[in-house]
């Protein structure tokens, strides 16, 4: 079996939050809107967990029928 070196791991493989929500792809100042109260709560929890696992910082605000998540650092 051949061993491959320097093959980058896909961002989606680094955590569930990266797969379902584009948190890892967001730059400072970017935001996403998640519609629906329950879906918004799940996104808020996912952003919180992503912040705990990485150095990314998010702010979440209720907006209309959902939440908006901003990457702030």
C-alpha atoms as a PDB file:
ATOM      1  CA  UNK A   1       0.000   0.000   0.000  1.00  0.00           C
ATOM      2  CA  UNK A   2       1.374   3.425  -0.985  1.00  0.00           C
ATOM      3  CA  UNK A   3       1.548   6.221   1.604  1.00  0.00           C
ATOM      4  CA  UNK A   4       0.591   9.652   0.259  1.00  0.00           C
ATOM      5  CA  UNK A   5       2.144  12.739   1.805  1.00  0.00           C
ATOM      6  CA  UNK A   6       0.902  16.357   1.881  1.00  0.00           C
ATOM      7  CA  UNK A   7      -2.668  15.596   0.811  1.00  0.00           C
ATOM      8  CA  UNK A   8      -4.837  18.341   2.378  1.00  0.00           C
ATOM      9  CA  UNK A   9      -7.812  17.187   4.424  1.00  0.00           C
ATOM     10  CA  UNK A  10     -11.163  18.537   3.170  1.00  0.00           C
ATOM     11  CA  UNK A  11     -12.639  21.176   5.469  1.00  0.00           C
ATOM     12  CA  UNK A  12     -15.848  19.163   5.729  1.00  0.00           C
ATOM     13  CA  UNK A  13     -13.891  16.321   7.339  1.00  0.00           C
ATOM     14  CA  UNK A  14     -12.740  18.564  10.179  1.00  0.00           C
ATOM     15  CA  UNK A  15     -16.103  18.845  11.873  1.00  0.00           C
ATOM     16  CA  UNK A  16     -19.843  18.533  11.396  1.00  0.00           C
ATOM     17  CA  UNK A  17     -20.375  22.319  11.606  1.00  0.00           C
ATOM     18  CA  UNK A  18     -18.167  22.767   8.553  1.00  0.00           C
ATOM     19  CA  UNK A  19     -20.263  20.294   6.605  1.00  0.00           C
ATOM     20  CA  UNK A  20     -23.754  21.531   7.368  1.00  0.00           C
ATOM     21  CA  UNK A  21     -22.988  25.234   7.765  1.00  0.00           C
ATOM     22  CA  UNK A  22     -20.240  27.111   5.888  1.00  0.00           C
ATOM     23  CA  UNK A  23     -18.632  28.499   9.060  1.00  0.00           C
ATOM     24  CA  UNK A  24     -15.092  27.481   8.093  1.00  0.00           C
ATOM     25  CA  UNK A  25     -15.460  29.151   4.684  1.00  0.00           C
ATOM     26  CA  UNK A  26     -16.729  32.453   6.080  1.00  0.00           C
ATOM     27  CA  UNK A  27     -14.477  35.489   6.281  1.00  0.00           C
ATOM     28  CA  UNK A  28     -14.733  38.218   8.907  1.00  0.00           C
ATOM     29  CA  UNK A  29     -17.812  40.317   8.094  1.00  0.00           C
ATOM     30  CA  UNK A  30     -19.645  37.504   6.250  1.00  0.00           C
ATOM     31  CA  UNK A  31     -23.064  36.395   7.470  1.00  0.00           C
ATOM     32  CA  UNK A  32     -25.599  33.689   6.742  1.00  0.00           C
ATOM     33  CA  UNK A  33     -29.338  33.597   7.417  1.00  0.00           C
ATOM     34  CA  UNK A  34     -30.989  30.428   8.664  1.00  0.00           C
ATOM     35  CA  UNK A  35     -34.756  30.445   8.359  1.00  0.00           C
ATOM     36  CA  UNK A  36     -36.962  28.839  10.975  1.00  0.00           C
ATOM     37  CA  UNK A  37     -36.914  28.961  14.746  1.00  0.00           C
ATOM     38  CA  UNK A  38     -35.699  25.384  15.310  1.00  0.00           C
ATOM     39  CA  UNK A  39     -33.181  25.492  12.458  1.00  0.00           C
ATOM     40  CA  UNK A  40     -31.913  28.802  13.806  1.00  0.00           C
ATOM     41  CA  UNK A  41     -31.400  27.310  17.263  1.00  0.00           C
ATOM     42  CA  UNK A  42     -29.423  24.405  15.738  1.00  0.00           C
ATOM     43  CA  UNK A  43     -27.252  26.876  13.783  1.00  0.00           C
ATOM     44  CA  UNK A  44     -26.667  28.915  16.943  1.00  0.00           C
ATOM     45  CA  UNK A  45     -25.517  25.779  18.775  1.00  0.00           C
ATOM     46  CA  UNK A  46     -23.308  24.758  15.856  1.00  0.00           C
ATOM     47  CA  UNK A  47     -21.685  28.210  15.748  1.00  0.00           C
ATOM     48  CA  UNK A  48     -21.029  28.014  19.491  1.00  0.00           C
ATOM     49  CA  UNK A  49     -19.408  24.577  19.146  1.00  0.00           C
ATOM     50  CA  UNK A  50     -17.342  25.748  16.165  1.00  0.00           C
ATOM     51  CA  UNK A  51     -16.082  28.670  18.283  1.00  0.00           C
ATOM     52  CA  UNK A  52     -15.065  26.275  21.055  1.00  0.00           C
ATOM     53  CA  UNK A  53     -13.121  24.022  18.641  1.00  0.00           C
ATOM     54  CA  UNK A  54     -11.460  26.777  16.598  1.00  0.00           C
ATOM     55  CA  UNK A  55     -10.394  30.393  16.920  1.00  0.00           C
ATOM     56  CA  UNK A  56     -13.345  31.567  14.819  1.00  0.00           C
ATOM     57  CA  UNK A  57     -15.732  33.971  16.565  1.00  0.00           C
ATOM     58  CA  UNK A  58     -19.410  34.327  15.646  1.00  0.00           C
ATOM     59  CA  UNK A  59     -22.340  36.499  16.698  1.00  0.00           C
ATOM     60  CA  UNK A  60     -25.919  35.321  16.329  1.00  0.00           C
ATOM     61  CA  UNK A  61     -28.972  37.578  16.183  1.00  0.00           C
ATOM     62  CA  UNK A  62     -32.658  36.732  15.822  1.00  0.00           C
ATOM     63  CA  UNK A  63     -34.036  38.176  12.626  1.00  0.00           C
ATOM     64  CA  UNK A  64     -37.587  37.782  11.282  1.00  0.00           C
ATOM     65  CA  UNK A  65     -38.340  34.028  11.313  1.00  0.00           C
ATOM     66  CA  UNK A  66     -34.799  32.762  11.936  1.00  0.00           C
ATOM     67  CA  UNK A  67     -31.311  33.845  12.894  1.00  0.00           C
ATOM     68  CA  UNK A  68     -28.386  35.562  11.221  1.00  0.00           C
ATOM     69  CA  UNK A  69     -24.860  34.368  12.050  1.00  0.00           C
ATOM     70  CA  UNK A  70     -21.908  36.725  11.479  1.00  0.00           C
ATOM     71  CA  UNK A  71     -18.252  35.817  11.608  1.00  0.00           C
ATOM     72  CA  UNK A  72     -16.638  38.615  13.624  1.00  0.00           C
ATOM     73  CA  UNK A  73     -13.082  37.268  14.140  1.00  0.00           C
END
